[in-house]
Amino acid sequence: MNTKAHEATVRAIGTQMFKIAFSNIIDDAWYGTNKKGRGARKGEQIKKDIIRCINLLTKIGVENLKARFFKDGRINDKEVENFIKSVIKNNGLGTSAEDIIYNGGIAASLVNRTVFENSATAIVNDEVVDIKTNGGTAV
């Protein structure tokens, strides 16, 4: 069953199904149509391949964040500034927050600074934790 992105409950079922399937792969068992023959693989190798793929997809997310927020090994001040401004704009923090930030203030000086912390966490979750694969979500 294909799901839409906003159907979080249905999408979460897919994660649970993966966990169940992964935990039921037996390390010493052979999987494949040829059983111990050509093309068959032990469960231990299948698990290692899955974890290796997850780690590589996670690494892609880390590299995307680095490319966005760093330039030549240094923090990309302009991109950080754009991020801060987008947080202010998209979360309705008001003109006082805009005035503080646009005049050299820091997010930590704002009463509602947790909005910035949550936004930074959301970016990390989106790029690194939420593993992106081709195709739509299906359960």
Protein backbone atom coordinates (compact mmCIF):
# COMPACT_ATOMS: atom_id res chain seq x y z
CA MET A 1 0.00 0.00 0.00
CA ASN A 2 1.59 3.28 -1.08
CA THR A 3 1.36 6.03 1.51
CA LYS A 4 1.49 9.79 1.36
CA ALA A 5 4.21 11.64 3.26
CA HIS A 6 1.81 13.12 5.84
CA GLU A 7 0.48 9.69 6.87
CA ALA A 8 3.08 9.28 9.63
CA THR A 9 1.30 6.46 11.44
CA VAL A 10 1.11 4.31 8.33
CA ARG A 11 4.71 5.14 7.41
CA ALA A 12 5.87 4.16 10.90
CA ILE A 13 4.45 0.70 10.31
CA GLY A 14 7.08 0.21 7.60
CA THR A 15 9.83 0.96 10.11
CA GLN A 16 8.40 -1.57 12.53
CA MET A 17 8.12 -4.16 9.77
CA PHE A 18 11.78 -3.62 8.90
CA LYS A 19 12.78 -4.13 12.53
CA ILE A 20 10.79 -7.36 12.72
CA ALA A 21 12.20 -8.68 9.44
CA PHE A 22 15.77 -7.70 10.32
CA SER A 23 15.60 -9.29 13.77
CA ASN A 24 14.33 -12.52 12.22
CA ILE A 25 17.30 -12.97 9.89
CA ILE A 26 19.24 -15.86 11.41
CA ASP A 27 23.01 -15.37 11.20
CA ASP A 28 23.85 -19.01 10.42
CA ALA A 29 20.94 -19.67 8.06
CA TRP A 30 21.35 -19.72 4.29
CA TYR A 31 19.07 -17.50 2.22
CA GLY A 32 18.50 -17.67 -1.51
CA THR A 33 17.04 -20.09 -4.01
CA ASN A 34 20.12 -22.28 -4.35
CA LYS A 35 20.67 -23.10 -0.63
CA LYS A 36 24.42 -23.13 0.05
CA GLY A 37 25.01 -22.99 -3.64
CA ARG A 38 25.75 -20.21 -6.04
CA GLY A 39 23.92 -17.02 -5.06
CA ALA A 40 22.92 -18.16 -1.59
CA ARG A 41 24.00 -15.96 1.32
CA LYS A 42 24.24 -16.43 5.05
CA GLY A 43 22.05 -14.27 7.25
CA GLU A 44 25.09 -12.72 8.93
CA GLN A 45 26.27 -11.34 5.56
CA ILE A 46 22.81 -10.04 4.70
CA LYS A 47 22.66 -8.15 8.02
CA LYS A 48 26.15 -6.69 7.44
CA ASP A 49 25.12 -5.55 3.96
CA ILE A 50 21.96 -3.88 5.27
CA ILE A 51 23.87 -2.05 8.02
CA ARG A 52 26.58 -1.03 5.54
CA CYS A 53 23.92 0.44 3.23
CA ILE A 54 22.27 2.31 6.11
CA ASN A 55 25.65 3.71 7.18
CA LEU A 56 26.43 4.85 3.64
CA LEU A 57 23.03 6.54 3.29
CA THR A 58 23.62 8.26 6.64
CA LYS A 59 27.04 9.41 5.43
CA ILE A 60 25.41 10.99 2.37
CA GLY A 61 23.19 13.03 4.73
CA VAL A 62 26.22 14.16 6.75
CA GLU A 63 27.97 15.21 3.55
CA ASN A 64 24.86 17.14 2.45
CA LEU A 65 24.87 19.07 5.74
CA LYS A 66 28.58 19.78 5.46
CA ALA A 67 28.13 21.01 1.89
CA ARG A 68 25.32 23.29 3.00
CA PHE A 69 26.81 24.79 6.15
CA PHE A 70 30.56 24.66 5.46
CA LYS A 71 32.69 26.11 2.69
CA ASP A 72 36.39 25.33 2.30
CA GLY A 73 36.45 23.73 5.75
CA ARG A 74 34.97 26.78 7.46
CA ILE A 75 31.46 27.64 8.55
CA ASN A 76 29.49 29.21 5.71
CA ASP A 77 28.30 32.32 7.53
CA LYS A 78 25.91 33.30 4.73
CA GLU A 79 24.13 29.91 4.80
CA VAL A 80 23.87 29.99 8.60
CA GLU A 81 22.42 33.49 8.35
CA ASN A 82 19.91 32.30 5.73
CA PHE A 83 18.95 29.40 8.00
CA ILE A 84 18.40 31.73 10.99
CA LYS A 85 16.32 34.11 8.88
CA SER A 86 14.20 31.26 7.54
CA VAL A 87 13.54 30.02 11.08
CA ILE A 88 12.39 33.50 12.11
CA LYS A 89 10.19 33.86 9.01
CA ASN A 90 8.67 30.36 9.06
CA ASN A 91 7.95 30.24 12.79
CA GLY A 92 6.38 33.66 13.30
CA LEU A 93 8.86 34.83 15.94
CA GLY A 94 7.87 38.44 15.39
CA THR A 95 9.58 41.73 14.77
CA SER A 96 11.43 41.82 18.09
CA ALA A 97 13.23 38.57 17.22
CA GLU A 98 13.95 39.89 13.73
CA ASP A 99 15.37 43.12 15.15
CA ILE A 100 17.62 41.26 17.59
CA ILE A 101 18.98 38.84 14.99
CA TYR A 102 19.26 41.35 12.13
CA ASN A 103 21.18 43.74 14.38
CA GLY A 104 23.84 41.26 15.42
CA GLY A 105 22.12 39.59 18.36
CA ILE A 106 22.29 35.87 18.94
CA ALA A 107 19.52 33.28 19.07
CA ALA A 108 20.46 32.33 22.64
CA SER A 109 19.37 35.81 23.78
CA LEU A 110 15.79 35.19 22.65
CA VAL A 111 13.10 33.86 24.96
CA ASN A 112 11.94 31.46 22.24
CA ARG A 113 15.41 30.18 21.33
CA THR A 114 14.21 26.56 21.45
CA VAL A 115 12.64 27.20 18.04
CA PHE A 116 16.18 27.47 16.64
CA GLU A 117 17.31 24.35 18.50
CA ASN A 118 14.31 22.41 17.21
CA SER A 119 14.89 23.66 13.67
CA ALA A 120 18.55 22.60 13.74
CA THR A 121 17.53 19.20 15.09
CA ALA A 122 14.93 18.89 12.34
CA ILE A 123 17.56 19.54 9.65
CA VAL A 124 19.86 16.89 11.11
CA ASN A 125 16.97 14.43 11.40
CA ASP A 126 15.89 15.13 7.83
CA GLU A 127 19.35 14.73 6.31
CA VAL A 128 21.02 12.14 8.54
CA VAL A 129 18.51 10.20 10.62
CA ASP A 130 15.65 9.86 8.14
CA ILE A 131 17.28 7.62 5.58
CA LYS A 132 16.16 8.54 2.10
CA THR A 133 15.76 5.90 -0.56
CA ASN A 134 14.42 6.09 -4.09
CA GLY A 135 10.72 5.52 -4.59
CA GLY A 136 7.74 6.22 -2.41
CA THR A 137 6.87 4.78 0.94
CA ALA A 138 5.05 1.49 0.74
CA VAL A 139 3.66 -0.74 3.46
